[in-house]
C-alpha atoms as a PDB file:
ATOM      1  CA  MET A   1       0.000   0.000   0.000  1.00  0.00           C
ATOM      2  CA  GLU A   2       1.272   3.462  -0.884  1.00  0.00           C
ATOM      3  CA  ALA A   3       1.874   6.069   1.777  1.00  0.00           C
ATOM      4  CA  GLU A   4      -0.647   8.921   1.679  1.00  0.00           C
ATOM      5  CA  GLY A   5       1.930  11.435   0.387  1.00  0.00           C
ATOM      6  CA  ASN A   6       2.794   9.150  -2.544  1.00  0.00           C
ATOM      7  CA  LEU A   7      -0.718   8.686  -3.915  1.00  0.00           C
ATOM      8  CA  PRO A   8      -1.341   9.967  -7.439  1.00  0.00           C
ATOM      9  CA  GLY A   9      -2.754  13.474  -7.253  1.00  0.00           C
ATOM     10  CA  SER A  10      -1.536  14.094  -3.710  1.00  0.00           C
ATOM     11  CA  GLU A  11       1.227  16.487  -4.749  1.00  0.00           C
ATOM     12  CA  ARG A  12       0.941  20.024  -3.401  1.00  0.00           C
ATOM     13  CA  THR A  13       1.320  23.100  -5.562  1.00  0.00           C
ATOM     14  CA  PRO A  14       0.926  26.681  -4.347  1.00  0.00           C
ATOM     15  CA  LEU A  15      -2.307  28.327  -5.397  1.00  0.00           C
ATOM     16  CA  ALA A  16      -1.514  31.010  -8.000  1.00  0.00           C
ATOM     17  CA  ALA A  17      -4.829  32.891  -7.829  1.00  0.00           C
ATOM     18  CA  ILE A  18      -8.525  32.650  -7.137  1.00  0.00           C
ATOM     19  CA  CYS A  19     -11.035  33.681  -9.780  1.00  0.00           C
ATOM     20  CA  VAL A  20     -14.516  34.569  -8.558  1.00  0.00           C
ATOM     21  CA  LEU A  21     -16.817  34.017 -11.527  1.00  0.00           C
ATOM     22  CA  ARG A  22     -20.042  35.883 -12.162  1.00  0.00           C
ATOM     23  CA  ARG A  23     -22.342  36.327 -15.102  1.00  0.00           C
ATOM     24  CA  ALA A  24     -22.882  39.910 -16.243  1.00  0.00           C
ATOM     25  CA  GLU A  25     -25.249  39.984 -19.181  1.00  0.00           C
ATOM     26  CA  ASP A  26     -25.541  43.782 -19.132  1.00  0.00           C
ATOM     27  CA  GLN A  27     -21.848  44.611 -19.571  1.00  0.00           C
ATOM     28  CA  ALA A  28     -20.560  45.936 -22.890  1.00  0.00           C
ATOM     29  CA  THR A  29     -17.565  43.593 -23.140  1.00  0.00           C
ATOM     30  CA  LEU A  30     -17.637  39.824 -23.393  1.00  0.00           C
ATOM     31  CA  VAL A  31     -15.388  39.306 -20.362  1.00  0.00           C
ATOM     32  CA  THR A  32     -13.729  41.507 -17.750  1.00  0.00           C
ATOM     33  CA  VAL A  33     -11.013  40.369 -15.343  1.00  0.00           C
ATOM     34  CA  LYS A  34     -10.108  42.679 -12.468  1.00  0.00           C
ATOM     35  CA  ARG A  35      -7.763  42.110  -9.530  1.00  0.00           C
ATOM     36  CA  LEU A  36      -9.600  42.821  -6.291  1.00  0.00           C
ATOM     37  CA  THR A  37      -8.328  44.848  -3.355  1.00  0.00           C
ATOM     38  CA  PHE A  38      -7.874  43.007  -0.063  1.00  0.00           C
ATOM     39  CA  ALA A  39     -11.250  44.168   1.282  1.00  0.00           C
ATOM     40  CA  ASP A  40     -13.123  43.256  -1.903  1.00  0.00           C
ATOM     41  CA  ALA A  41     -11.240  39.946  -2.185  1.00  0.00           C
ATOM     42  CA  PHE A  42     -12.104  39.028   1.403  1.00  0.00           C
ATOM     43  CA  LEU A  43     -15.798  39.725   0.842  1.00  0.00           C
ATOM     44  CA  ALA A  44     -15.783  37.851  -2.469  1.00  0.00           C
ATOM     45  CA  VAL A  45     -14.241  34.653  -1.094  1.00  0.00           C
ATOM     46  CA  LEU A  46     -16.220  34.822   2.141  1.00  0.00           C
ATOM     47  CA  GLY A  47     -19.395  34.977   0.079  1.00  0.00           C
ATOM     48  CA  HIS A  48     -18.534  31.540  -1.324  1.00  0.00           C
ATOM     49  CA  ALA A  49     -17.661  29.987   2.025  1.00  0.00           C
ATOM     50  CA  CYS A  50     -19.575  27.058   3.416  1.00  0.00           C
ATOM     51  CA  TRP A  51     -21.174  28.202   6.645  1.00  0.00           C
ATOM     52  CA  PHE A  52     -21.843  26.042   9.630  1.00  0.00           C
ATOM     53  CA  THR A  53     -23.429  26.888  12.932  1.00  0.00           C
ATOM     54  CA  PHE A  54     -20.550  27.521  15.275  1.00  0.00           C
ATOM     55  CA  GLN A  55     -21.198  26.973  18.937  1.00  0.00           C
ATOM     56  CA  ASP A  56     -18.468  29.273  20.108  1.00  0.00           C
ATOM     57  CA  ALA A  57     -17.054  32.578  18.963  1.00  0.00           C
ATOM     58  CA  HIS A  58     -13.516  31.134  18.825  1.00  0.00           C
ATOM     59  CA  ASP A  59     -14.435  28.767  15.966  1.00  0.00           C
ATOM     60  CA  LYS A  60     -16.174  31.573  14.100  1.00  0.00           C
ATOM     61  CA  ARG A  61     -13.144  33.841  14.529  1.00  0.00           C
ATOM     62  CA  ARG A  62     -10.792  31.093  13.330  1.00  0.00           C
ATOM     63  CA  VAL A  63     -12.769  30.675  10.086  1.00  0.00           C
ATOM     64  CA  ILE A  64     -12.835  34.445   9.484  1.00  0.00           C
ATOM     65  CA  ASP A  65      -9.076  34.619  10.142  1.00  0.00           C
ATOM     66  CA  HIS A  66      -8.392  31.858   7.596  1.00  0.00           C
ATOM     67  CA  TYR A  67     -10.380  33.694   4.930  1.00  0.00           C
ATOM     68  CA  MET A  68      -8.581  36.942   5.755  1.00  0.00           C
ATOM     69  CA  ASP A  69      -5.229  35.152   5.381  1.00  0.00           C
ATOM     70  CA  LEU A  70      -6.372  33.718   2.059  1.00  0.00           C
ATOM     71  CA  ALA A  71      -7.389  37.143   0.720  1.00  0.00           C
ATOM     72  CA  ALA A  72      -4.118  38.670   1.927  1.00  0.00           C
ATOM     73  CA  GLU A  73      -1.819  36.003   0.458  1.00  0.00           C
ATOM     74  CA  ILE A  74      -3.476  34.885  -2.793  1.00  0.00           C
ATOM     75  CA  PRO A  75      -4.427  37.249  -5.645  1.00  0.00           C
ATOM     76  CA  VAL A  76      -8.207  37.254  -6.114  1.00  0.00           C
ATOM     77  CA  PHE A  77      -9.766  38.241  -9.429  1.00  0.00           C
ATOM     78  CA  ASP A  78     -13.329  39.167 -10.282  1.00  0.00           C
ATOM     79  CA  VAL A  79     -14.191  37.571 -13.620  1.00  0.00           C
ATOM     80  CA  SER A  80     -17.427  38.841 -15.119  1.00  0.00           C
ATOM     81  CA  PHE A  81     -18.638  37.434 -18.402  1.00  0.00           C
ATOM     82  CA  LYS A  82     -21.595  36.967 -20.681  1.00  0.00           C
ATOM     83  CA  SER A  83     -23.042  33.485 -20.338  1.00  0.00           C
ATOM     84  CA  GLY A  84     -22.842  30.872 -23.054  1.00  0.00           C
ATOM     85  CA  LEU A  85     -20.398  28.088 -23.806  1.00  0.00           C
ATOM     86  CA  GLU A  86     -19.460  29.822 -27.045  1.00  0.00           C
ATOM     87  CA  HIS A  87     -17.765  32.495 -24.868  1.00  0.00           C
ATOM     88  CA  LEU A  88     -15.680  30.024 -22.833  1.00  0.00           C
ATOM     89  CA  PRO A  89     -12.489  30.355 -24.935  1.00  0.00           C
ATOM     90  CA  ALA A  90     -12.577  34.155 -24.539  1.00  0.00           C
ATOM     91  CA  VAL A  91     -13.139  33.846 -20.770  1.00  0.00           C
ATOM     92  CA  LEU A  92     -10.217  31.437 -20.396  1.00  0.00           C
ATOM     93  CA  ASP A  93      -7.960  33.622 -22.557  1.00  0.00           C
ATOM     94  CA  ALA A  94      -8.799  36.694 -20.464  1.00  0.00           C
ATOM     95  CA  ILE A  95      -8.029  34.836 -17.220  1.00  0.00           C
ATOM     96  CA  GLU A  96      -4.748  33.534 -18.608  1.00  0.00           C
ATOM     97  CA  THR A  97      -3.761  37.015 -19.775  1.00  0.00           C
ATOM     98  CA  ALA A  98      -4.514  38.495 -16.349  1.00  0.00           C
ATOM     99  CA  LEU A  99      -2.535  35.791 -14.554  1.00  0.00           C
ATOM    100  CA  ASP A 100       0.445  36.335 -16.870  1.00  0.00           C
ATOM    101  CA  ASP A 101       0.456  40.113 -16.257  1.00  0.00           C
ATOM    102  CA  PRO A 102       3.051  40.928 -13.567  1.00  0.00           C
ATOM    103  CA  ALA A 103       1.063  44.027 -12.567  1.00  0.00           C
ATOM    104  CA  CYS A 104      -1.880  41.811 -11.623  1.00  0.00           C
ATOM    105  CA  ARG A 105       0.161  39.361  -9.582  1.00  0.00           C
ATOM    106  CA  GLY A 106       1.386  41.500  -6.929  1.00  0.00           C
END
């Protein structure tokens, strides 16, 4: 039997960025990718968190702290796009371009 660290797919790689996706049918462009400030990034990722009922304030604080660390350490991008699979290549290209731009990374 293989050790847990040697299982296929168990390798660890640093997270390069988080993209928060949202449909925006009313925007003029097909896709927009924008790096979020810390405050906006924190709210964006927290909005996608799984929430549980915490019995004590310490657990709640710990979860909030982890999301704050995430928003502070990992670039978070807002990706707004018009829906439709025909737009997927343009969405992916725009994300790739943003991630390759040194100004957006840090």
